[in-house]
Amino acid sequence: MAEMAICKLEYDLTIDWNYMEELLVCYLELIRRKCTCIILRAFYDVMELLNIE
């Protein structure tokens, strides 16, 4: 997930909540239910790293 955010930053230098929300939904749709907590934890870590509120 972090790699996707970094690629987006390199492409157009902006990341907003809408992009991150769309990214999260895509990951959750692709991953089995038992991994949901891991994906949510990773999402939180990336949001914190990027300091997006």
PDB file of N, CA and C in Angstrom:
ATOM      1  N   MET A   1       0.820  -1.186   0.000  1.00  0.00           N
ATOM      2  CA  MET A   1       0.000   0.000   0.000  1.00  0.00           C
ATOM      3  C   MET A   1       0.868   1.254   0.000  1.00  0.00           C
ATOM      4  N   ALA A   2       1.935   1.228   0.759  1.00  0.00           N
ATOM      5  CA  ALA A   2       2.835   2.383   0.801  1.00  0.00           C
ATOM      6  C   ALA A   2       3.443   2.642  -0.572  1.00  0.00           C
ATOM      7  N   GLU A   3       3.761   1.581  -1.284  1.00  0.00           N
ATOM      8  CA  GLU A   3       4.353   1.735  -2.612  1.00  0.00           C
ATOM      9  C   GLU A   3       3.393   2.439  -3.568  1.00  0.00           C
ATOM     10  N   MET A   4       2.103   2.116  -3.454  1.00  0.00           N
ATOM     11  CA  MET A   4       1.101   2.763  -4.308  1.00  0.00           C
ATOM     12  C   MET A   4       1.022   4.261  -3.996  1.00  0.00           C
ATOM     13  N   ALA A   5       1.056   4.602  -2.731  1.00  0.00           N
ATOM     14  CA  ALA A   5       1.000   6.011  -2.332  1.00  0.00           C
ATOM     15  C   ALA A   5       2.247   6.750  -2.818  1.00  0.00           C
ATOM     16  N   ILE A   6       3.405   6.125  -2.705  1.00  0.00           N
ATOM     17  CA  ILE A   6       4.656   6.744  -3.158  1.00  0.00           C
ATOM     18  C   ILE A   6       4.633   6.958  -4.664  1.00  0.00           C
ATOM     19  N   CYS A   7       4.162   5.971  -5.417  1.00  0.00           N
ATOM     20  CA  CYS A   7       4.063   6.117  -6.878  1.00  0.00           C
ATOM     21  C   CYS A   7       3.142   7.277  -7.239  1.00  0.00           C
ATOM     22  N   LYS A   8       2.031   7.394  -6.529  1.00  0.00           N
ATOM     23  CA  LYS A   8       1.094   8.499  -6.789  1.00  0.00           C
ATOM     24  C   LYS A   8       1.774   9.834  -6.500  1.00  0.00           C
ATOM     25  N   LEU A   9       2.524   9.917  -5.417  1.00  0.00           N
ATOM     26  CA  LEU A   9       3.238  11.156  -5.094  1.00  0.00           C
ATOM     27  C   LEU A   9       4.261  11.510  -6.161  1.00  0.00           C
ATOM     28  N   GLU A  10       4.964  10.508  -6.658  1.00  0.00           N
ATOM     29  CA  GLU A  10       5.974  10.758  -7.686  1.00  0.00           C
ATOM     30  C   GLU A  10       5.334  11.192  -9.002  1.00  0.00           C
ATOM     31  N   TYR A  11       4.123  10.712  -9.252  1.00  0.00           N
ATOM     32  CA  TYR A  11       3.440  11.020 -10.513  1.00  0.00           C
ATOM     33  C   TYR A  11       2.878  12.441 -10.535  1.00  0.00           C
ATOM     34  N   ASP A  12       2.162  12.828  -9.483  1.00  0.00           N
ATOM     35  CA  ASP A  12       1.561  14.168  -9.522  1.00  0.00           C
ATOM     36  C   ASP A  12       1.728  14.980  -8.233  1.00  0.00           C
ATOM     37  N   LEU A  13       2.561  14.507  -7.319  1.00  0.00           N
ATOM     38  CA  LEU A  13       2.940  15.242  -6.111  1.00  0.00           C
ATOM     39  C   LEU A  13       1.798  15.527  -5.130  1.00  0.00           C
ATOM     40  N   THR A  14       0.658  14.864  -5.299  1.00  0.00           N
ATOM     41  CA  THR A  14      -0.440  15.071  -4.355  1.00  0.00           C
ATOM     42  C   THR A  14      -1.070  13.735  -3.951  1.00  0.00           C
ATOM     43  N   ILE A  15      -1.503  13.694  -2.727  1.00  0.00           N
ATOM     44  CA  ILE A  15      -2.299  12.574  -2.234  1.00  0.00           C
ATOM     45  C   ILE A  15      -3.370  13.187  -1.356  1.00  0.00           C
ATOM     46  N   ASP A  16      -4.593  12.765  -1.578  1.00  0.00           N
ATOM     47  CA  ASP A  16      -5.668  13.273  -0.750  1.00  0.00           C
ATOM     48  C   ASP A  16      -6.461  12.098  -0.176  1.00  0.00           C
ATOM     49  N   TRP A  17      -7.399  12.433   0.674  1.00  0.00           N
ATOM     50  CA  TRP A  17      -8.194  11.413   1.338  1.00  0.00           C
ATOM     51  C   TRP A  17      -8.957  10.550   0.326  1.00  0.00           C
ATOM     52  N   ASN A  18      -9.499  11.156  -0.731  1.00  0.00           N
ATOM     53  CA  ASN A  18     -10.268  10.392  -1.723  1.00  0.00           C
ATOM     54  C   ASN A  18      -9.425   9.307  -2.374  1.00  0.00           C
ATOM     55  N   TYR A  19      -8.198   9.639  -2.736  1.00  0.00           N
ATOM     56  CA  TYR A  19      -7.311   8.642  -3.328  1.00  0.00           C
ATOM     57  C   TYR A  19      -7.035   7.507  -2.343  1.00  0.00           C
ATOM     58  N   MET A  20      -6.725   7.857  -1.106  1.00  0.00           N
ATOM     59  CA  MET A  20      -6.407   6.843  -0.110  1.00  0.00           C
ATOM     60  C   MET A  20      -7.621   5.973   0.203  1.00  0.00           C
ATOM     61  N   GLU A  21      -8.793   6.571   0.236  1.00  0.00           N
ATOM     62  CA  GLU A  21     -10.021   5.800   0.476  1.00  0.00           C
ATOM     63  C   GLU A  21     -10.269   4.811  -0.658  1.00  0.00           C
ATOM     64  N   GLU A  22     -10.076   5.252  -1.892  1.00  0.00           N
ATOM     65  CA  GLU A  22     -10.239   4.370  -3.047  1.00  0.00           C
ATOM     66  C   GLU A  22      -9.221   3.224  -3.004  1.00  0.00           C
ATOM     67  N   LEU A  23      -8.005   3.538  -2.625  1.00  0.00           N
ATOM     68  CA  LEU A  23      -6.963   2.523  -2.505  1.00  0.00           C
ATOM     69  C   LEU A  23      -7.335   1.488  -1.439  1.00  0.00           C
ATOM     70  N   LEU A  24      -7.821   1.943  -0.310  1.00  0.00           N
ATOM     71  CA  LEU A  24      -8.236   1.041   0.759  1.00  0.00           C
ATOM     72  C   LEU A  24      -9.364   0.127   0.307  1.00  0.00           C
ATOM     73  N   VAL A  25     -10.360   0.677  -0.349  1.00  0.00           N
ATOM     74  CA  VAL A  25     -11.496  -0.128  -0.823  1.00  0.00           C
ATOM     75  C   VAL A  25     -11.016  -1.201  -1.808  1.00  0.00           C
ATOM     76  N   CYS A  26     -10.117  -0.843  -2.695  1.00  0.00           N
ATOM     77  CA  CYS A  26      -9.576  -1.824  -3.654  1.00  0.00           C
ATOM     78  C   CYS A  26      -8.875  -2.965  -2.923  1.00  0.00           C
ATOM     79  N   TYR A  27      -8.036  -2.639  -1.973  1.00  0.00           N
ATOM     80  CA  TYR A  27      -7.336  -3.675  -1.208  1.00  0.00           C
ATOM     81  C   TYR A  27      -8.322  -4.568  -0.471  1.00  0.00           C
ATOM     82  N   LEU A  28      -9.311  -3.983   0.165  1.00  0.00           N
ATOM     83  CA  LEU A  28     -10.275  -4.773   0.936  1.00  0.00           C
ATOM     84  C   LEU A  28     -11.107  -5.683   0.035  1.00  0.00           C
ATOM     85  N   GLU A  29     -11.383  -5.257  -1.182  1.00  0.00           N
ATOM     86  CA  GLU A  29     -12.145  -6.092  -2.110  1.00  0.00           C
ATOM     87  C   GLU A  29     -11.312  -7.267  -2.620  1.00  0.00           C
ATOM     88  N   LEU A  30     -10.010  -7.083  -2.703  1.00  0.00           N
ATOM     89  CA  LEU A  30      -9.135  -8.126  -3.240  1.00  0.00           C
ATOM     90  C   LEU A  30      -8.697  -9.158  -2.193  1.00  0.00           C
ATOM     91  N   ILE A  31      -8.638  -8.755  -0.960  1.00  0.00           N
ATOM     92  CA  ILE A  31      -8.078  -9.594   0.091  1.00  0.00           C
ATOM     93  C   ILE A  31      -9.186 -10.316   0.852  1.00  0.00           C
ATOM     94  N   ARG A  32      -8.872 -11.528   1.266  1.00  0.00           N
ATOM     95  CA  ARG A  32      -9.831 -12.292   2.061  1.00  0.00           C
ATOM     96  C   ARG A  32     -10.143 -11.608   3.378  1.00  0.00           C
ATOM     97  N   ARG A  33     -11.284 -11.939   3.911  1.00  0.00           N
ATOM     98  CA  ARG A  33     -11.793 -11.297   5.120  1.00  0.00           C
ATOM     99  C   ARG A  33     -10.851 -11.426   6.317  1.00  0.00           C
ATOM    100  N   LYS A  34     -10.152 -12.537   6.452  1.00  0.00           N
ATOM    101  CA  LYS A  34      -9.292 -12.722   7.619  1.00  0.00           C
ATOM    102  C   LYS A  34      -8.088 -11.787   7.621  1.00  0.00           C
ATOM    103  N   CYS A  35      -7.782 -11.183   6.494  1.00  0.00           N
ATOM    104  CA  CYS A  35      -6.650 -10.256   6.405  1.00  0.00           C
ATOM    105  C   CYS A  35      -7.076  -8.795   6.555  1.00  0.00           C
ATOM    106  N   THR A  36      -8.353  -8.549   6.753  1.00  0.00           N
ATOM    107  CA  THR A  36      -8.862  -7.186   6.829  1.00  0.00           C
ATOM    108  C   THR A  36      -8.154  -6.359   7.890  1.00  0.00           C
ATOM    109  N   CYS A  37      -7.940  -6.925   9.064  1.00  0.00           N
ATOM    110  CA  CYS A  37      -7.301  -6.144  10.130  1.00  0.00           C
ATOM    111  C   CYS A  37      -5.873  -5.757   9.751  1.00  0.00           C
ATOM    112  N   ILE A  38      -5.178  -6.615   9.026  1.00  0.00           N
ATOM    113  CA  ILE A  38      -3.814  -6.306   8.583  1.00  0.00           C
ATOM    114  C   ILE A  38      -3.834  -5.153   7.589  1.00  0.00           C
ATOM    115  N   ILE A  39      -4.778  -5.193   6.649  1.00  0.00           N
ATOM    116  CA  ILE A  39      -4.901  -4.135   5.653  1.00  0.00           C
ATOM    117  C   ILE A  39      -5.252  -2.811   6.328  1.00  0.00           C
ATOM    118  N   LEU A  40      -6.177  -2.845   7.267  1.00  0.00           N
ATOM    119  CA  LEU A  40      -6.556  -1.617   7.973  1.00  0.00           C
ATOM    120  C   LEU A  40      -5.390  -1.048   8.772  1.00  0.00           C
ATOM    121  N   ARG A  41      -4.596  -1.926   9.376  1.00  0.00           N
ATOM    122  CA  ARG A  41      -3.426  -1.469  10.124  1.00  0.00           C
ATOM    123  C   ARG A  41      -2.407  -0.815   9.181  1.00  0.00           C
ATOM    124  N   ALA A  42      -2.199  -1.429   8.020  1.00  0.00           N
ATOM    125  CA  ALA A  42      -1.266  -0.876   7.038  1.00  0.00           C
ATOM    126  C   ALA A  42      -1.771   0.472   6.525  1.00  0.00           C
ATOM    127  N   PHE A  43      -3.076   0.565   6.290  1.00  0.00           N
ATOM    128  CA  PHE A  43      -3.673   1.815   5.834  1.00  0.00           C
ATOM    129  C   PHE A  43      -3.440   2.917   6.863  1.00  0.00           C
ATOM    130  N   TYR A  44      -3.671   2.610   8.109  1.00  0.00           N
ATOM    131  CA  TYR A  44      -3.456   3.580   9.176  1.00  0.00           C
ATOM    132  C   TYR A  44      -1.989   4.028   9.213  1.00  0.00           C
ATOM    133  N   ASP A  45      -1.077   3.079   9.092  1.00  0.00           N
ATOM    134  CA  ASP A  45       0.350   3.408   9.113  1.00  0.00           C
ATOM    135  C   ASP A  45       0.723   4.344   7.966  1.00  0.00           C
ATOM    136  N   VAL A  46       0.204   4.066   6.770  1.00  0.00           N
ATOM    137  CA  VAL A  46       0.505   4.912   5.617  1.00  0.00           C
ATOM    138  C   VAL A  46      -0.089   6.302   5.808  1.00  0.00           C
ATOM    139  N   MET A  47      -1.330   6.373   6.291  1.00  0.00           N
ATOM    140  CA  MET A  47      -1.957   7.670   6.531  1.00  0.00           C
ATOM    141  C   MET A  47      -1.151   8.476   7.543  1.00  0.00           C
ATOM    142  N   GLU A  48      -0.686   7.818   8.590  1.00  0.00           N
ATOM    143  CA  GLU A  48       0.110   8.489   9.600  1.00  0.00           C
ATOM    144  C   GLU A  48       1.444   8.963   9.009  1.00  0.00           C
ATOM    145  N   LEU A  49       2.080   8.126   8.211  1.00  0.00           N
ATOM    146  CA  LEU A  49       3.339   8.477   7.573  1.00  0.00           C
ATOM    147  C   LEU A  49       3.170   9.691   6.664  1.00  0.00           C
ATOM    148  N   LEU A  50       2.081   9.717   5.910  1.00  0.00           N
ATOM    149  CA  LEU A  50       1.839  10.824   4.986  1.00  0.00           C
ATOM    150  C   LEU A  50       1.206  12.029   5.664  1.00  0.00           C
ATOM    151  N   ASN A  51       0.821  11.843   6.924  1.00  0.00           N
ATOM    152  CA  ASN A  51       0.224  12.920   7.715  1.00  0.00           C
ATOM    153  C   ASN A  51      -1.035  13.483   7.045  1.00  0.00           C
ATOM    154  N   ILE A  52      -1.895  12.559   6.571  1.00  0.00           N
ATOM    155  CA  ILE A  52      -3.161  12.937   5.951  1.00  0.00           C
ATOM    156  C   ILE A  52      -4.254  12.848   7.002  1.00  0.00           C
ATOM    157  N   GLU A  53      -5.029  13.919   7.117  1.00  0.00           N
ATOM    158  CA  GLU A  53      -6.114  13.937   8.106  1.00  0.00           C
ATOM    159  C   GLU A  53      -7.450  13.994   7.411  1.00  0.00           C
TER     160      GLU A  53
END
